[in-house]
Amino acid sequence: MKKTVLILWLIGLLLTACGYQLRQPVELNTAYQKTYLALSITSPLYQPLYTELLNAKIDLVKTQDQSSAELKVNTVNLERVIQSIGANNRVQEYRLEINVNFQVLANGENLVEPQTLNMSRDYAFDIEQITGTQQEEAILREQLYKDMARMIVTRISRQP
């Protein structure tokens, strides 16, 4: 019993000594208190961005006239690009690239100028494991949208 307690105490000490911290929610300016998200609800980026804004304690409103700010996502492009081809002239790796252009408006003025954020992920492709590769691509797409949503909220939080 004493050994278990000692081991747990040492693990706790090591985690705090290395500077490990849970990710804290992003704090946004009060100008974003009531934000309208100008993005189609059918967009794969909508739900992750909605969740990130809620985690930042932003009240998302349903209409633009109720809002103090408007987060306008102008474009979302996700492409699959061939990364490498093997000796047998078959694709060995793909890259998923996402580009998002957004801006934040308040009373017709730009709080955040239009900006484009880019992100990519590579994955191996094996024709003999096509089902697993398709699942891996689907997981990577979902993760890219989540990471991009986090990046957008972080970028907004750094603007004055």
Protein backbone atom coordinates (compact mmCIF):
# COMPACT_ATOMS: atom_id res chain seq x y z
CA MET A 1 0.00 0.00 0.00
CA LYS A 2 2.79 2.41 0.93
CA LYS A 3 4.69 1.56 -2.25
CA THR A 4 1.62 2.32 -4.39
CA VAL A 5 1.10 5.68 -2.70
CA LEU A 6 4.80 6.48 -3.10
CA ILE A 7 4.73 5.55 -6.80
CA LEU A 8 1.62 7.66 -7.44
CA TRP A 9 3.18 10.57 -5.56
CA LEU A 10 6.36 10.29 -7.65
CA ILE A 11 4.38 10.19 -10.89
CA GLY A 12 2.48 13.30 -9.81
CA LEU A 13 5.73 15.03 -8.90
CA LEU A 14 7.29 14.15 -12.26
CA LEU A 15 4.27 15.43 -14.20
CA THR A 16 4.27 18.76 -12.38
CA ALA A 17 8.04 19.09 -12.61
CA CYS A 18 8.05 18.71 -16.42
CA GLY A 19 5.55 21.56 -16.83
CA TYR A 20 2.69 19.36 -18.05
CA GLN A 21 -0.64 21.19 -18.00
CA LEU A 22 -4.05 20.41 -19.39
CA ARG A 23 -5.01 22.62 -22.31
CA GLN A 24 -6.82 25.66 -21.01
CA PRO A 25 -9.80 27.20 -22.83
CA VAL A 26 -8.99 30.20 -24.99
CA GLU A 27 -10.19 33.54 -23.64
CA LEU A 28 -11.64 35.88 -26.24
CA ASN A 29 -12.18 39.63 -26.17
CA THR A 30 -15.55 40.86 -24.87
CA ALA A 31 -16.35 42.09 -28.40
CA TYR A 32 -16.97 38.43 -29.26
CA GLN A 33 -19.45 37.88 -26.43
CA LYS A 34 -22.39 37.37 -28.80
CA THR A 35 -21.03 35.95 -32.02
CA TYR A 36 -22.80 34.90 -35.18
CA LEU A 37 -21.06 32.06 -37.01
CA ALA A 38 -21.43 32.67 -40.75
CA LEU A 39 -20.81 29.15 -41.99
CA SER A 40 -23.16 26.58 -43.46
CA ILE A 41 -24.31 24.07 -40.88
CA THR A 42 -23.57 21.32 -43.43
CA SER A 43 -19.89 22.27 -43.58
CA PRO A 44 -17.62 19.70 -41.90
CA LEU A 45 -15.88 22.61 -40.14
CA TYR A 46 -19.12 23.89 -38.56
CA GLN A 47 -19.42 21.50 -35.60
CA PRO A 48 -15.74 21.63 -34.51
CA LEU A 49 -15.73 25.44 -34.77
CA TYR A 50 -19.05 25.70 -32.93
CA THR A 51 -17.66 23.50 -30.14
CA GLU A 52 -14.42 25.52 -29.87
CA LEU A 53 -16.36 28.78 -29.62
CA LEU A 54 -18.60 27.34 -26.91
CA ASN A 55 -15.49 26.15 -25.03
CA ALA A 56 -14.20 29.73 -25.21
CA LYS A 57 -17.41 30.77 -23.41
CA ILE A 58 -18.85 32.59 -26.42
CA ASP A 59 -22.61 32.95 -26.72
CA LEU A 60 -23.41 31.91 -30.30
CA VAL A 61 -26.51 33.63 -31.66
CA LYS A 62 -28.70 32.42 -34.49
CA THR A 63 -29.10 35.69 -36.38
CA GLN A 64 -26.63 38.34 -37.41
CA ASP A 65 -28.69 41.25 -36.01
CA GLN A 66 -28.46 39.79 -32.46
CA SER A 67 -24.67 39.60 -32.61
CA SER A 68 -21.84 41.84 -31.43
CA ALA A 69 -19.45 40.12 -33.86
CA GLU A 70 -19.66 37.91 -36.92
CA LEU A 71 -17.14 35.16 -37.58
CA LYS A 72 -17.32 34.79 -41.34
CA VAL A 73 -15.69 31.74 -42.89
CA ASN A 74 -15.24 32.72 -46.53
CA THR A 75 -13.77 29.50 -47.93
CA VAL A 76 -12.96 25.98 -46.73
CA ASN A 77 -10.96 23.80 -49.11
CA LEU A 78 -9.82 20.28 -48.32
CA GLU A 79 -7.83 18.48 -51.00
CA ARG A 80 -6.16 15.11 -51.29
CA VAL A 81 -2.82 15.42 -53.07
CA ILE A 82 -0.47 12.64 -54.17
CA GLN A 83 2.62 12.81 -51.97
CA SER A 84 4.74 9.96 -53.37
CA ILE A 85 4.62 7.25 -56.02
CA GLY A 86 6.40 3.92 -55.63
CA ALA A 87 8.58 1.99 -58.05
CA ASN A 88 5.52 0.11 -59.34
CA ASN A 89 3.90 3.44 -60.38
CA ARG A 90 1.31 3.21 -57.61
CA VAL A 91 0.54 5.87 -55.05
CA GLN A 92 2.25 5.20 -51.73
CA GLU A 93 1.35 8.35 -49.81
CA TYR A 94 -1.28 11.04 -49.93
CA ARG A 95 -1.40 14.43 -48.25
CA LEU A 96 -4.61 16.03 -47.01
CA GLU A 97 -4.36 19.84 -47.25
CA ILE A 98 -6.90 22.19 -45.72
CA ASN A 99 -7.08 25.92 -46.41
CA VAL A 100 -9.54 28.16 -44.57
CA ASN A 101 -10.09 31.86 -45.19
CA PHE A 102 -11.96 33.75 -42.47
CA GLN A 103 -12.50 37.18 -40.96
CA VAL A 104 -14.31 38.72 -38.02
CA LEU A 105 -16.63 41.69 -38.47
CA ALA A 106 -18.29 43.98 -35.94
CA ASN A 107 -20.58 46.81 -37.02
CA GLY A 108 -19.32 46.50 -40.59
CA GLU A 109 -15.67 46.88 -39.58
CA ASN A 110 -12.99 44.21 -39.53
CA LEU A 111 -11.97 43.11 -36.06
CA VAL A 112 -9.80 40.46 -37.70
CA GLU A 113 -8.69 41.09 -41.28
CA PRO A 114 -9.31 38.29 -43.80
CA GLN A 115 -6.68 35.59 -43.26
CA THR A 116 -5.94 32.18 -44.68
CA LEU A 117 -4.78 29.31 -42.46
CA ASN A 118 -3.22 26.17 -43.92
CA MET A 119 -2.63 22.74 -42.45
CA SER A 120 -1.73 19.33 -43.87
CA ARG A 121 -1.36 15.69 -42.85
CA ASP A 122 0.32 12.83 -44.71
CA TYR A 123 -0.77 9.22 -44.68
CA ALA A 124 0.39 6.00 -46.31
CA PHE A 125 -1.75 4.31 -48.93
CA ASP A 126 -1.77 0.56 -49.49
CA ILE A 127 -4.12 -0.84 -52.14
CA GLU A 128 -4.15 -4.19 -50.33
CA GLN A 129 -5.54 -2.53 -47.19
CA ILE A 130 -8.00 -0.22 -48.90
CA THR A 131 -10.63 -0.38 -46.14
CA GLY A 132 -8.15 0.55 -43.43
CA THR A 133 -6.71 3.32 -45.56
CA GLN A 134 -10.15 4.82 -46.16
CA GLN A 135 -10.88 4.75 -42.43
CA GLU A 136 -7.53 6.38 -41.72
CA GLU A 137 -8.31 9.13 -44.23
CA ALA A 138 -11.73 9.74 -42.65
CA ILE A 139 -10.15 10.01 -39.20
CA LEU A 140 -7.48 12.40 -40.51
CA ARG A 141 -10.12 14.58 -42.18
CA GLU A 142 -12.08 14.82 -38.94
CA GLN A 143 -8.92 15.64 -36.98
CA LEU A 144 -7.91 18.29 -39.52
CA TYR A 145 -11.25 20.05 -39.10
CA LYS A 146 -10.91 19.94 -35.29
CA ASP A 147 -7.33 21.25 -35.40
CA MET A 148 -8.31 24.00 -37.84
CA ALA A 149 -11.19 25.10 -35.61
CA ARG A 150 -8.81 25.31 -32.67
CA MET A 151 -6.33 27.27 -34.78
CA ILE A 152 -9.01 29.77 -35.86
CA VAL A 153 -10.13 30.43 -32.28
CA THR A 154 -6.51 30.74 -31.11
CA ARG A 155 -5.75 33.19 -33.93
CA ILE A 156 -8.81 35.29 -33.06
CA SER A 157 -7.80 35.38 -29.41
CA ARG A 158 -4.42 36.90 -30.31
CA GLN A 159 -6.00 39.86 -32.12
CA PRO A 160 -6.50 43.05 -30.09
